[in-house]
């Protein structure tokens, strides 16, 4: 075993070189010691296991470049096996993205100067059918979780490698929960993405869909879904395509919203809100700031009276009453919250519950304003009646609508601009394409109402579609075009299970009616809060995150919220 320290040092040196090359955005063949590749000395760790093509690039730190240079890390029979693993890549026809000098695209070369992944070609006879899933939201993750990986290979393409448990996202903004408690890695939801040789997670976004050739065109992304400094464009062939890319926050075309407001849909949004809130609290204590300046800095404005806006306002009021009063004593009288809604808050809830929420929020110090935002500026918003509302933190939560990607697709649309689907969640004009979640809605020809953009709708659609695909896969219809003669089975039917919302101070609303017109159990108060917490704790995806959530709740109750600004 005396050779172990030497091998360890060589591995560390090799990994350092790889990471450094990835950070510099170019690829060079690696000069790896042959002793490092001697499987007789390393045991079961053969060169073919050094890199797994297209696995989560956040974890490896080297991404596509390492995969494309995989042949430089192999020798002899291992090299031939690695070349066989890449047989699905159409490298001869691939094009290279723009270089730093802005040069035009050029053909992929075999000398290692590769700037893009040629693609994953069509599945071959004897291979499992490939299902490509766009998105890692409630719908996409639910369908991946239930897909039978004995029948299908799964390729997930998304700008994020985790699912966000959105019902508890507001709690992370003020330190009630930590961010990792609401983020579930997709490799835990569907282990095949990191273990199966032909199932991958690709950190990228879809640019377009070629419905005739069963291919999608993608581009890698940077941090938080932003454009990457060095982009790779590639294509992926599919047997079945599931579009579950979600929706985007609605701004209604109001000037300044995207520049000055913070949305609350992703973990990085919650991080930004928390940073802004704590920064303003500390800045307001600096000598020389005027009274008006302090009031503006510590005025938190929430636009949108839906469940997200109300829950965030409730969390914020709790944070102010307990943590700000204890730890920011000098400015405790300046901080306040305003909730702006054009109509009724929590409009989908029972009237009695809405009135309870209004009374409770008002008692907690939240000012409720009915109005429409006309303009958003860097330090104030202007309402339609001319009222100016100064702010230090502006959170925008006014619902969702189709993303630019969904709008750009040449697919039929449902009312509201979503992708139109039939009773079985298929896109009728495109063979082997399905759409689920917030990005989809029933076509008018189905005579069915477009379902609301709710987590339970998306999750239910994902479960239904996974069962549907598993059934046709077992019947031999998994490959492209093979499901034409297979019975579709029962259409998708949605049954609303009710709505819940926390309003702060250990109070919540529970509305178990199936619709606004139906009769059912409705309750509010402390017992409802216990039901709310219990229900969401059991809905958290993994036992790991359930433990995190329960532990965070316990520590917050005993020690208060985490107010560190990191």
Protein backbone atom coordinates (compact mmCIF):
# COMPACT_ATOMS: atom_id res chain seq x y z
CA UNK A 1 0.00 0.00 0.00
CA UNK A 2 3.04 2.28 -0.09
CA UNK A 3 2.00 3.51 -3.53
CA UNK A 4 -1.25 5.10 -2.22
CA UNK A 5 0.23 8.49 -1.21
CA UNK A 6 1.85 8.82 -4.63
CA UNK A 7 -1.38 7.99 -6.47
CA UNK A 8 -3.31 10.41 -4.26
CA UNK A 9 -0.89 13.24 -5.08
CA UNK A 10 -1.13 12.48 -8.81
CA UNK A 11 -4.94 12.50 -8.66
CA UNK A 12 -4.94 15.83 -6.81
CA UNK A 13 -2.58 17.31 -9.37
CA UNK A 14 -4.69 16.03 -12.27
CA UNK A 15 -7.95 17.34 -10.81
CA UNK A 16 -6.33 20.74 -10.22
CA UNK A 17 -5.27 20.94 -13.87
CA UNK A 18 -8.73 19.93 -15.08
CA UNK A 19 -10.53 22.48 -12.91
CA UNK A 20 -8.10 25.19 -13.91
CA UNK A 21 -8.66 24.47 -17.61
CA UNK A 22 -12.43 24.48 -17.15
CA UNK A 23 -12.24 27.85 -15.39
CA UNK A 24 -10.19 29.29 -18.25
CA UNK A 25 -12.82 28.18 -20.75
CA UNK A 26 -10.63 26.14 -23.09
CA UNK A 27 -9.58 22.56 -23.53
CA UNK A 28 -6.17 21.05 -23.93
CA UNK A 29 -5.22 17.38 -23.97
CA UNK A 30 -4.13 16.32 -20.50
CA UNK A 31 -0.78 14.71 -19.88
CA UNK A 32 -1.82 12.09 -17.38
CA UNK A 33 0.70 9.71 -15.94
CA UNK A 34 0.24 6.19 -17.24
CA UNK A 35 0.57 4.91 -13.70
CA UNK A 36 -2.59 6.78 -12.90
CA UNK A 37 -4.45 4.73 -15.47
CA UNK A 38 -3.11 1.38 -14.41
CA UNK A 39 -6.26 -0.40 -13.32
CA UNK A 40 -4.20 -3.18 -11.74
CA UNK A 41 -2.79 -0.66 -9.26
CA UNK A 42 -5.92 1.41 -8.72
CA UNK A 43 -8.20 -1.57 -8.34
CA UNK A 44 -11.75 -1.11 -9.58
CA UNK A 45 -11.23 2.51 -10.60
CA UNK A 46 -10.70 2.21 -14.35
CA UNK A 47 -10.23 5.16 -16.71
CA UNK A 48 -13.74 4.74 -18.09
CA UNK A 49 -15.03 5.74 -14.66
CA UNK A 50 -12.99 8.92 -14.41
CA UNK A 51 -15.72 10.95 -16.06
CA UNK A 52 -19.32 10.10 -16.74
CA UNK A 53 -20.58 11.89 -19.86
CA UNK A 54 -23.11 14.64 -19.26
CA UNK A 55 -23.51 14.10 -15.52
CA UNK A 56 -24.26 17.09 -13.33
CA UNK A 57 -21.61 19.62 -14.21
CA UNK A 58 -22.06 21.48 -10.94
CA UNK A 59 -20.74 18.41 -9.15
CA UNK A 60 -17.81 17.59 -11.41
CA UNK A 61 -16.64 21.17 -11.93
CA UNK A 62 -15.37 20.36 -15.40
CA UNK A 63 -18.48 19.64 -17.41
CA UNK A 64 -18.62 18.98 -21.10
CA UNK A 65 -14.94 19.68 -21.63
CA UNK A 66 -13.91 16.72 -19.49
CA UNK A 67 -16.31 14.44 -21.35
CA UNK A 68 -15.07 15.54 -24.73
CA UNK A 69 -11.45 15.02 -23.69
CA UNK A 70 -12.25 11.67 -22.19
CA UNK A 71 -10.30 9.92 -24.93
CA UNK A 72 -7.09 11.58 -23.68
CA UNK A 73 -7.52 9.79 -20.37
CA UNK A 74 -7.67 6.28 -21.82
CA UNK A 75 -5.24 3.78 -23.21
CA UNK A 76 -5.50 0.52 -25.14
CA UNK A 77 -8.76 -1.36 -24.78
CA UNK A 78 -10.05 1.34 -22.41
CA UNK A 79 -9.68 3.88 -25.22
CA UNK A 80 -11.70 1.71 -27.58
CA UNK A 81 -14.41 1.34 -24.97
CA UNK A 82 -14.54 5.11 -24.39
CA UNK A 83 -14.85 5.67 -28.12
CA UNK A 84 -17.75 3.24 -28.16
CA UNK A 85 -19.42 5.23 -25.38
CA UNK A 86 -19.28 8.28 -27.63
CA UNK A 87 -20.73 6.56 -30.68
CA UNK A 88 -24.02 8.42 -30.24
CA UNK A 89 -22.34 11.78 -30.68
CA UNK A 90 -22.75 13.27 -34.14
CA UNK A 91 -19.44 15.09 -33.94
CA UNK A 92 -18.97 15.40 -37.68
CA UNK A 93 -22.02 17.64 -38.08
CA UNK A 94 -21.69 19.68 -34.88
CA UNK A 95 -20.87 23.34 -34.86
CA UNK A 96 -18.80 25.29 -32.46
CA UNK A 97 -20.12 28.26 -30.48
CA UNK A 98 -18.55 31.66 -30.76
CA UNK A 99 -15.01 32.04 -29.46
CA UNK A 100 -13.76 34.91 -27.34
CA UNK A 101 -12.79 36.74 -30.50
CA UNK A 102 -16.32 36.44 -31.85
CA UNK A 103 -15.26 34.13 -34.66
CA UNK A 104 -17.91 32.40 -36.73
CA UNK A 105 -18.95 28.84 -35.99
CA UNK A 106 -16.75 26.10 -37.38
CA UNK A 107 -16.85 22.32 -37.62
CA UNK A 108 -15.90 20.30 -34.59
CA UNK A 109 -12.33 19.08 -34.84
CA UNK A 110 -10.87 15.91 -33.48
CA UNK A 111 -7.78 17.66 -32.06
CA UNK A 112 -9.41 18.56 -28.74
CA UNK A 113 -10.35 22.15 -29.61
CA UNK A 114 -14.01 21.34 -29.04
CA UNK A 115 -16.36 24.07 -27.86
CA UNK A 116 -19.66 22.21 -27.92
CA UNK A 117 -21.19 18.81 -27.46
CA UNK A 118 -22.27 17.46 -30.81
CA UNK A 119 -25.29 15.84 -29.27
CA UNK A 120 -26.98 12.68 -28.13
CA UNK A 121 -28.14 10.91 -31.26
CA UNK A 122 -31.24 8.76 -31.73
CA UNK A 123 -31.46 5.60 -29.67
CA UNK A 124 -30.33 2.42 -31.39
CA UNK A 125 -31.98 -0.99 -31.57
CA UNK A 126 -31.45 -2.82 -28.30
CA UNK A 127 -31.20 0.40 -26.30
CA UNK A 128 -33.91 1.69 -24.02
CA UNK A 129 -36.15 4.47 -25.31
CA UNK A 130 -35.09 7.96 -24.25
CA UNK A 131 -37.40 10.38 -22.47
CA UNK A 132 -36.19 13.98 -22.36
CA UNK A 133 -37.63 16.18 -19.60
CA UNK A 134 -37.33 19.96 -19.80
CA UNK A 135 -37.46 21.48 -16.32
CA UNK A 136 -36.96 20.57 -12.66
CA UNK A 137 -40.12 22.03 -11.14
CA UNK A 138 -42.98 20.20 -9.49
CA UNK A 139 -44.23 18.62 -12.72
CA UNK A 140 -40.86 17.65 -14.17
CA UNK A 141 -39.51 16.15 -10.96
CA UNK A 142 -42.71 14.25 -10.25
CA UNK A 143 -42.74 12.63 -13.67
CA UNK A 144 -39.05 11.72 -13.40
CA UNK A 145 -39.54 10.24 -9.94
CA UNK A 146 -42.21 7.80 -11.14
CA UNK A 147 -40.79 6.85 -14.55
CA UNK A 148 -39.76 3.22 -14.85
CA UNK A 149 -36.03 3.38 -15.61
CA UNK A 150 -36.09 -0.28 -16.63
CA UNK A 151 -38.09 0.87 -19.65
CA UNK A 152 -36.59 4.29 -20.31
CA UNK A 153 -33.38 6.27 -20.18
CA UNK A 154 -34.05 9.73 -18.76
CA UNK A 155 -32.34 12.95 -19.83
CA UNK A 156 -33.20 16.02 -17.77
CA UNK A 157 -32.35 19.47 -19.12
CA UNK A 158 -32.75 22.46 -16.83
CA UNK A 159 -30.98 25.69 -15.77
CA UNK A 160 -31.00 24.39 -12.17
CA UNK A 161 -30.03 21.01 -10.75
CA UNK A 162 -32.59 20.99 -7.95
CA UNK A 163 -36.29 21.24 -7.25
CA UNK A 164 -37.55 24.10 -5.08
CA UNK A 165 -40.21 23.31 -2.48
CA UNK A 166 -42.01 26.59 -3.16
CA UNK A 167 -44.62 26.49 -0.33
CA UNK A 168 -41.82 27.04 2.20
CA UNK A 169 -39.69 29.40 0.13
CA UNK A 170 -41.02 32.52 1.89
CA UNK A 171 -39.74 31.15 5.21
CA UNK A 172 -36.16 31.18 3.94
CA UNK A 173 -36.24 34.92 3.23
CA UNK A 174 -36.16 35.83 6.92
CA UNK A 175 -34.12 32.91 8.29
CA UNK A 176 -36.97 30.73 9.58
CA UNK A 177 -35.60 27.99 7.30
CA UNK A 178 -32.24 27.61 5.65
CA UNK A 179 -32.07 27.58 1.87
CA UNK A 180 -30.90 23.98 1.58
CA UNK A 181 -34.07 22.87 3.39
CA UNK A 182 -36.22 23.77 0.37
CA UNK A 183 -33.84 22.63 -2.40
CA UNK A 184 -33.88 18.96 -3.41
CA UNK A 185 -31.17 17.74 -5.87
CA UNK A 186 -32.71 16.06 -8.90
CA UNK A 187 -30.23 13.19 -8.57
CA UNK A 188 -31.93 12.28 -5.29
CA UNK A 189 -35.37 12.47 -6.87
CA UNK A 190 -34.33 10.24 -9.79
CA UNK A 191 -31.08 8.40 -8.94
CA UNK A 192 -30.76 7.10 -12.52
CA UNK A 193 -29.61 10.58 -13.59
CA UNK A 194 -26.33 10.02 -11.76
CA UNK A 195 -26.07 6.23 -11.91
CA UNK A 196 -27.47 4.94 -15.18
CA UNK A 197 -24.93 5.01 -18.06
CA UNK A 198 -27.38 6.57 -20.53
CA UNK A 199 -29.38 8.86 -18.24
CA UNK A 200 -28.05 12.36 -17.77
CA UNK A 201 -28.68 15.71 -16.16
CA UNK A 202 -27.60 18.59 -18.43
CA UNK A 203 -27.24 22.09 -16.99
CA UNK A 204 -28.66 23.94 -19.97
CA UNK A 205 -31.74 25.54 -21.45
CA UNK A 206 -33.71 24.46 -24.49
CA UNK A 207 -33.64 26.92 -27.38
CA UNK A 208 -35.86 25.20 -29.94
CA UNK A 209 -37.58 21.94 -30.82
CA UNK A 210 -37.36 20.13 -34.15
CA UNK A 211 -40.60 18.16 -34.06
CA UNK A 212 -39.98 16.51 -37.44
CA UNK A 213 -36.62 15.00 -36.48
CA UNK A 214 -37.40 14.45 -32.79
CA UNK A 215 -34.54 16.68 -31.64
CA UNK A 216 -34.13 19.63 -29.31
CA UNK A 217 -31.44 22.31 -29.48
CA UNK A 218 -29.91 23.48 -26.23
CA UNK A 219 -27.34 25.86 -24.80
CA UNK A 220 -25.44 25.71 -21.51
CA UNK A 221 -26.22 28.31 -18.86
CA UNK A 222 -24.34 30.03 -16.07
CA UNK A 223 -25.14 30.74 -12.44
CA UNK A 224 -28.85 31.03 -11.58
CA UNK A 225 -29.80 30.36 -15.19
CA UNK A 226 -27.86 33.33 -16.57
CA UNK A 227 -25.90 33.17 -19.79
CA UNK A 228 -22.64 31.29 -19.47
CA UNK A 229 -19.35 32.99 -20.31
CA UNK A 230 -18.44 30.09 -22.56
CA UNK A 231 -21.49 28.56 -24.18
CA UNK A 232 -21.89 25.14 -25.70
CA UNK A 233 -24.73 24.50 -28.10
CA UNK A 234 -25.78 20.92 -28.59
CA UNK A 235 -28.72 18.79 -29.61
CA UNK A 236 -30.46 15.85 -28.01
CA UNK A 237 -32.65 13.33 -29.81
CA UNK A 238 -35.73 12.08 -28.00
CA UNK A 239 -38.26 9.29 -28.23
CA UNK A 240 -40.64 11.14 -25.92
CA UNK A 241 -40.34 14.79 -24.94
CA UNK A 242 -41.92 16.24 -21.80
CA UNK A 243 -42.03 20.03 -21.62
CA UNK A 244 -42.24 21.03 -17.96
CA UNK A 245 -40.24 24.25 -17.99
CA UNK A 246 -42.69 26.20 -15.83
CA UNK A 247 -43.71 29.83 -16.12
CA UNK A 248 -42.31 33.26 -15.33
CA UNK A 249 -43.49 36.00 -13.00
CA UNK A 250 -45.99 38.38 -14.58
CA UNK A 251 -44.95 42.03 -14.75
CA UNK A 252 -47.88 43.23 -16.92
CA UNK A 253 -45.41 45.33 -18.88
CA UNK A 254 -45.02 47.78 -15.99
CA UNK A 255 -41.91 49.91 -16.33
CA UNK A 256 -39.12 49.20 -13.84
CA UNK A 257 -40.39 45.95 -12.37
CA UNK A 258 -37.61 43.74 -13.73
CA UNK A 259 -34.96 46.32 -12.83
CA UNK A 260 -35.95 47.12 -9.24
CA UNK A 261 -38.30 44.44 -7.86
CA UNK A 262 -37.33 41.00 -6.58
CA UNK A 263 -39.47 38.01 -7.49
CA UNK A 264 -40.01 35.07 -5.16
CA UNK A 265 -39.84 31.90 -7.24
CA UNK A 266 -36.29 30.57 -6.90
CA UNK A 267 -33.80 30.03 -4.08
CA UNK A 268 -31.57 32.81 -5.38
CA UNK A 269 -34.56 35.18 -5.18
CA UNK A 270 -34.97 34.33 -1.49
CA UNK A 271 -31.24 34.82 -0.97
CA UNK A 272 -31.40 38.23 -2.61
CA UNK A 273 -34.38 39.27 -0.46
CA UNK A 274 -32.61 38.17 2.71
CA UNK A 275 -29.41 39.99 1.78
CA UNK A 276 -31.31 43.17 0.92
CA UNK A 277 -33.39 43.08 4.11
CA UNK A 278 -30.42 42.57 6.43
CA UNK A 279 -28.31 45.14 4.57
CA UNK A 280 -31.02 47.77 4.92
CA UNK A 281 -31.35 47.04 8.64
CA UNK A 282 -27.63 47.61 9.15
CA UNK A 283 -27.40 50.65 6.87
CA UNK A 284 -30.27 52.36 8.67
CA UNK A 285 -28.21 52.38 11.88
CA UNK A 286 -25.32 54.33 10.34
CA UNK A 287 -24.93 57.88 11.73
CA UNK A 288 -26.00 60.67 9.40
CA UNK A 289 -28.96 58.96 7.74
CA UNK A 290 -32.07 61.13 7.90
CA UNK A 291 -35.35 60.08 9.44
CA UNK A 292 -36.92 59.90 5.99
CA UNK A 293 -34.00 57.83 4.76
CA UNK A 294 -34.45 55.33 7.57
CA UNK A 295 -38.17 55.05 6.92
CA UNK A 296 -37.58 54.42 3.22
CA UNK A 297 -34.81 51.85 3.77
CA UNK A 298 -36.94 49.90 6.23
CA UNK A 299 -40.18 50.04 4.28
CA UNK A 300 -40.83 46.58 2.82
CA UNK A 301 -43.42 46.62 0.04
CA UNK A 302 -45.05 43.42 -1.24
CA UNK A 303 -47.05 43.64 -4.48
CA UNK A 304 -49.56 40.82 -4.93
CA UNK A 305 -52.08 39.45 -2.44
CA UNK A 306 -51.98 35.79 -3.40
CA UNK A 307 -50.76 33.01 -1.07
CA UNK A 308 -47.08 33.80 -1.73
CA UNK A 309 -47.45 37.52 -1.02
CA UNK A 310 -49.57 36.94 2.09
CA UNK A 311 -47.26 34.25 3.49
CA UNK A 312 -44.19 36.41 2.92
CA UNK A 313 -45.90 39.38 4.61
CA UNK A 314 -46.77 37.15 7.58
CA UNK A 315 -43.21 35.83 7.86
CA UNK A 316 -41.87 39.38 7.64
CA UNK A 317 -44.19 40.63 10.39
CA UNK A 318 -43.07 37.76 12.67
CA UNK A 319 -39.44 38.58 11.92
CA UNK A 320 -40.02 42.23 12.84
CA UNK A 321 -41.93 41.52 16.06
CA UNK A 322 -39.44 39.04 17.47
CA UNK A 323 -36.02 39.33 15.88
CA UNK A 324 -35.81 42.98 14.81
CA UNK A 325 -37.15 44.21 18.14
CA UNK A 326 -34.56 42.12 19.99
CA UNK A 327 -31.50 42.61 17.78
CA UNK A 328 -32.03 45.92 15.97
CA UNK A 329 -33.45 47.92 18.83
CA UNK A 330 -32.34 51.32 17.49
CA UNK A 331 -34.42 51.03 14.31
CA UNK A 332 -37.28 48.80 15.46
CA UNK A 333 -39.81 51.63 15.23
CA UNK A 334 -38.96 52.43 11.60
CA UNK A 335 -39.46 49.07 9.88
CA UNK A 336 -42.91 48.28 8.52
CA UNK A 337 -44.62 46.23 5.79
CA UNK A 338 -47.12 47.25 3.10
CA UNK A 339 -49.07 44.73 1.01
CA UNK A 340 -50.51 46.11 -2.24
CA UNK A 341 -53.26 44.23 -4.09
CA UNK A 342 -55.47 45.41 -6.95
CA UNK A 343 -58.47 43.33 -5.85
CA UNK A 344 -59.12 41.03 -2.89
CA UNK A 345 -56.26 39.25 -1.15
CA UNK A 346 -56.43 35.45 -1.30
CA UNK A 347 -59.26 35.66 -3.83
CA UNK A 348 -59.47 31.86 -4.21
CA UNK A 349 -60.17 31.34 -0.49
CA UNK A 350 -63.47 31.34 1.37
CA UNK A 351 -64.84 34.82 2.18
CA UNK A 352 -64.65 34.18 5.92
CA UNK A 353 -61.01 33.12 5.63
CA UNK A 354 -60.16 36.24 3.62
CA UNK A 355 -61.69 38.46 6.28
CA UNK A 356 -59.77 36.60 8.98
CA UNK A 357 -56.52 37.11 7.06
CA UNK A 358 -57.19 40.85 6.67
CA UNK A 359 -57.87 41.27 10.40
CA UNK A 360 -54.84 39.24 11.42
CA UNK A 361 -52.39 40.92 9.04
CA UNK A 362 -53.61 44.36 10.07
CA UNK A 363 -53.22 43.45 13.74
CA UNK A 364 -49.68 42.22 12.99
CA UNK A 365 -48.71 45.61 11.59
CA UNK A 366 -49.06 44.90 7.86
CA UNK A 367 -50.64 47.84 6.03
CA UNK A 368 -53.04 46.68 3.31
CA UNK A 369 -53.39 48.97 0.30
CA UNK A 370 -55.76 48.42 -2.61
CA UNK A 371 -54.30 49.82 -5.80
CA UNK A 372 -52.59 49.16 -9.12
CA UNK A 373 -48.90 49.84 -9.63
CA UNK A 374 -48.29 52.12 -12.61
CA UNK A 375 -44.53 52.65 -12.44
CA UNK A 376 -41.58 51.31 -10.47
CA UNK A 377 -38.56 53.50 -9.80
CA UNK A 378 -35.36 52.80 -7.90
CA UNK A 379 -36.64 54.11 -4.55
CA UNK A 380 -40.40 54.41 -4.97
CA UNK A 381 -43.42 53.01 -6.77
CA UNK A 382 -46.25 55.05 -8.23
CA UNK A 383 -49.85 53.82 -8.05
CA UNK A 384 -52.53 54.50 -10.64
CA UNK A 385 -54.04 57.25 -8.47
CA UNK A 386 -50.70 59.08 -8.32
CA UNK A 387 -49.76 57.95 -4.82
CA UNK A 388 -46.01 57.57 -4.34
CA UNK A 389 -44.83 54.76 -2.07
CA UNK A 390 -41.12 54.88 -1.11
CA UNK A 391 -39.48 51.54 -0.38
CA UNK A 392 -36.21 49.90 0.57
CA UNK A 393 -37.26 46.37 -0.40
CA UNK A 394 -39.78 45.57 -3.14
CA UNK A 395 -41.03 41.99 -3.56
CA UNK A 396 -43.17 41.24 -6.63
CA UNK A 397 -45.65 38.36 -6.43
CA UNK A 398 -48.48 38.90 -8.91
CA UNK A 399 -48.85 35.48 -10.50
CA UNK A 400 -47.18 33.80 -13.45
CA UNK A 401 -47.44 33.69 -17.23
CA UNK A 402 -45.78 31.97 -20.20
CA UNK A 403 -42.00 32.31 -20.49
CA UNK A 404 -40.39 33.69 -23.67
CA UNK A 405 -39.28 30.14 -24.52
CA UNK A 406 -42.84 28.80 -24.37
CA UNK A 407 -44.16 31.76 -26.37
CA UNK A 408 -41.52 31.21 -29.07
CA UNK A 409 -42.41 27.57 -29.72
CA UNK A 410 -44.46 26.92 -32.85
CA UNK A 411 -46.92 24.75 -30.97
CA UNK A 412 -50.67 25.23 -30.41
CA UNK A 413 -51.50 27.50 -27.50
CA UNK A 414 -54.26 27.37 -24.92
CA UNK A 415 -56.05 30.48 -23.59
CA UNK A 416 -53.44 32.56 -21.79
CA UNK A 417 -50.57 31.58 -24.08
CA UNK A 418 -49.62 28.23 -22.54
CA UNK A 419 -48.82 25.17 -24.65
CA UNK A 420 -52.11 23.56 -25.62
CA UNK A 421 -52.66 19.93 -24.66
CA UNK A 422 -55.44 17.39 -25.07
CA UNK A 423 -57.13 15.25 -22.42
CA UNK A 424 -54.02 13.04 -22.14
CA UNK A 425 -51.58 15.97 -21.80
CA UNK A 426 -50.28 15.45 -25.34
CA UNK A 427 -49.48 18.27 -27.75
CA UNK A 428 -51.80 17.19 -30.60
CA UNK A 429 -49.86 18.63 -33.52
CA UNK A 430 -46.48 17.23 -32.42
CA UNK A 431 -45.97 13.50 -32.15
CA UNK A 432 -44.46 12.18 -28.90
CA UNK A 433 -44.49 15.57 -27.15
CA UNK A 434 -46.24 16.19 -23.84
CA UNK A 435 -46.57 19.37 -21.78
CA UNK A 436 -47.33 19.53 -18.06
CA UNK A 437 -47.26 22.03 -15.23
CA UNK A 438 -47.49 25.81 -15.40
CA UNK A 439 -46.38 25.90 -19.05
CA UNK A 440 -49.40 23.93 -20.31
CA UNK A 441 -53.17 24.27 -20.49
CA UNK A 442 -56.08 22.48 -22.09
CA UNK A 443 -56.95 23.49 -25.65
CA UNK A 444 -60.30 25.14 -26.23
CA UNK A 445 -61.33 22.14 -28.33
CA UNK A 446 -61.31 19.97 -25.19
CA UNK A 447 -64.02 22.16 -23.60
CA UNK A 448 -62.07 22.01 -20.36
CA UNK A 449 -61.02 24.88 -18.10
CA UNK A 450 -57.34 25.80 -17.98
CA UNK A 451 -56.11 24.64 -14.59
CA UNK A 452 -54.51 27.12 -12.17
CA UNK A 453 -50.74 27.36 -11.84
CA UNK A 454 -50.53 25.44 -8.58
CA UNK A 455 -47.97 22.98 -7.26
CA UNK A 456 -50.62 20.32 -6.66
CA UNK A 457 -51.82 20.59 -10.27
CA UNK A 458 -48.28 20.18 -11.61
CA UNK A 459 -47.53 17.29 -9.29
CA UNK A 460 -50.75 15.48 -10.18
CA UNK A 461 -50.07 15.90 -13.90
CA UNK A 462 -46.54 14.56 -13.46
CA UNK A 463 -47.76 11.45 -11.66
CA UNK A 464 -50.46 10.81 -14.27
CA UNK A 465 -48.05 11.20 -17.19
CA UNK A 466 -45.44 8.91 -15.63
CA UNK A 467 -48.04 6.17 -15.15
CA UNK A 468 -49.26 6.71 -18.73
CA UNK A 469 -45.74 6.46 -20.20
CA UNK A 470 -44.91 3.40 -18.10
CA UNK A 471 -48.04 1.69 -19.40
CA UNK A 472 -47.33 2.38 -23.07
CA UNK A 473 -43.68 1.47 -22.53
CA UNK A 474 -44.65 -1.95 -21.25
CA UNK A 475 -46.92 -2.31 -24.29
CA UNK A 476 -43.99 -1.67 -26.63
CA UNK A 477 -44.78 1.96 -27.44
CA UNK A 478 -41.81 3.65 -25.83
CA UNK A 479 -39.89 4.51 -28.98
CA UNK A 480 -40.61 7.43 -31.25
CA UNK A 481 -43.80 6.86 -33.23
CA UNK A 482 -44.54 3.45 -31.69
CA UNK A 483 -47.49 4.48 -29.50
CA UNK A 484 -49.95 5.22 -32.32
CA UNK A 485 -51.86 1.96 -32.05
CA UNK A 486 -51.79 1.71 -28.25
CA UNK A 487 -54.88 2.63 -26.25
CA UNK A 488 -54.45 5.96 -24.46
CA UNK A 489 -56.34 4.87 -21.36
CA UNK A 490 -58.24 7.22 -19.07
CA UNK A 491 -57.81 10.97 -19.61
CA UNK A 492 -56.30 13.19 -16.94
CA UNK A 493 -58.79 14.38 -14.31
CA UNK A 494 -57.84 16.92 -11.67
CA UNK A 495 -59.48 16.99 -8.26
CA UNK A 496 -58.62 19.99 -6.12
CA UNK A 497 -57.50 18.99 -2.62
CA UNK A 498 -57.88 22.43 -1.04
CA UNK A 499 -55.66 25.41 -0.26
CA UNK A 500 -53.59 26.50 2.72
CA UNK A 501 -51.74 29.68 3.64
CA UNK A 502 -49.85 30.87 6.70
CA UNK A 503 -50.54 34.43 7.89
CA UNK A 504 -47.92 34.60 10.66
CA UNK A 505 -47.98 34.47 14.48
CA UNK A 506 -48.74 30.72 14.49
CA UNK A 507 -51.94 31.25 12.51
CA UNK A 508 -52.93 29.80 9.14
CA UNK A 509 -55.88 29.29 6.80
CA UNK A 510 -57.11 25.89 5.60
CA UNK A 511 -59.74 25.76 2.85
CA UNK A 512 -60.66 22.20 1.84
CA UNK A 513 -63.35 23.09 -0.69
CA UNK A 514 -62.87 21.59 -4.16
CA UNK A 515 -63.91 24.86 -5.82
CA UNK A 516 -64.96 28.39 -4.91
CA UNK A 517 -68.63 27.48 -5.32
CA UNK A 518 -68.46 24.13 -3.50
CA UNK A 519 -69.08 23.51 0.16
CA UNK A 520 -66.40 22.11 2.40
CA UNK A 521 -64.38 22.48 5.57
CA UNK A 522 -62.76 25.87 6.14
CA UNK A 523 -60.90 26.86 9.29
CA UNK A 524 -58.40 29.39 10.56
CA UNK A 525 -56.22 29.86 13.63
CA UNK A 526 -53.63 27.90 15.57
CA UNK A 527 -55.04 24.45 14.76
CA UNK A 528 -54.97 25.37 11.07
CA UNK A 529 -51.34 26.39 11.50
CA UNK A 530 -50.54 22.93 12.91
CA UNK A 531 -52.32 21.34 9.94
CA UNK A 532 -50.41 23.62 7.55
CA UNK A 533 -47.03 22.71 9.02
CA UNK A 534 -47.80 19.00 9.26
CA UNK A 535 -49.07 18.83 5.70
CA UNK A 536 -46.06 20.55 4.19
CA UNK A 537 -43.58 18.64 6.33
CA UNK A 538 -44.95 15.38 4.94
CA UNK A 539 -44.90 16.77 1.39
CA UNK A 540 -41.20 17.67 1.48
CA UNK A 541 -39.61 15.33 -1.05
CA UNK A 542 -36.90 13.51 0.93
CA UNK A 543 -36.41 12.44 4.53
CA UNK A 544 -33.17 14.41 4.48
CA UNK A 545 -34.98 17.67 3.82
CA UNK A 546 -37.79 16.80 6.21
CA UNK A 547 -35.18 16.53 8.92
CA UNK A 548 -33.68 19.88 7.88
CA UNK A 549 -37.08 21.59 7.95
CA UNK A 550 -38.05 20.15 11.34
CA UNK A 551 -34.65 21.04 12.81
CA UNK A 552 -34.83 24.59 11.42
CA UNK A 553 -38.30 25.10 12.86
CA UNK A 554 -37.10 23.87 16.26
CA UNK A 555 -33.98 26.05 16.37
CA UNK A 556 -35.93 29.10 15.21
CA UNK A 557 -38.50 28.57 17.96
CA UNK A 558 -35.81 28.26 20.64
CA UNK A 559 -33.07 30.63 19.47
CA UNK A 560 -34.77 32.92 16.97
CA UNK A 561 -34.08 33.38 13.26
CA UNK A 562 -30.67 33.41 11.66
CA UNK A 563 -29.86 37.06 10.89
CA UNK A 564 -26.29 36.57 9.69
CA UNK A 565 -25.48 38.26 6.40
CA UNK A 566 -23.19 35.89 4.51
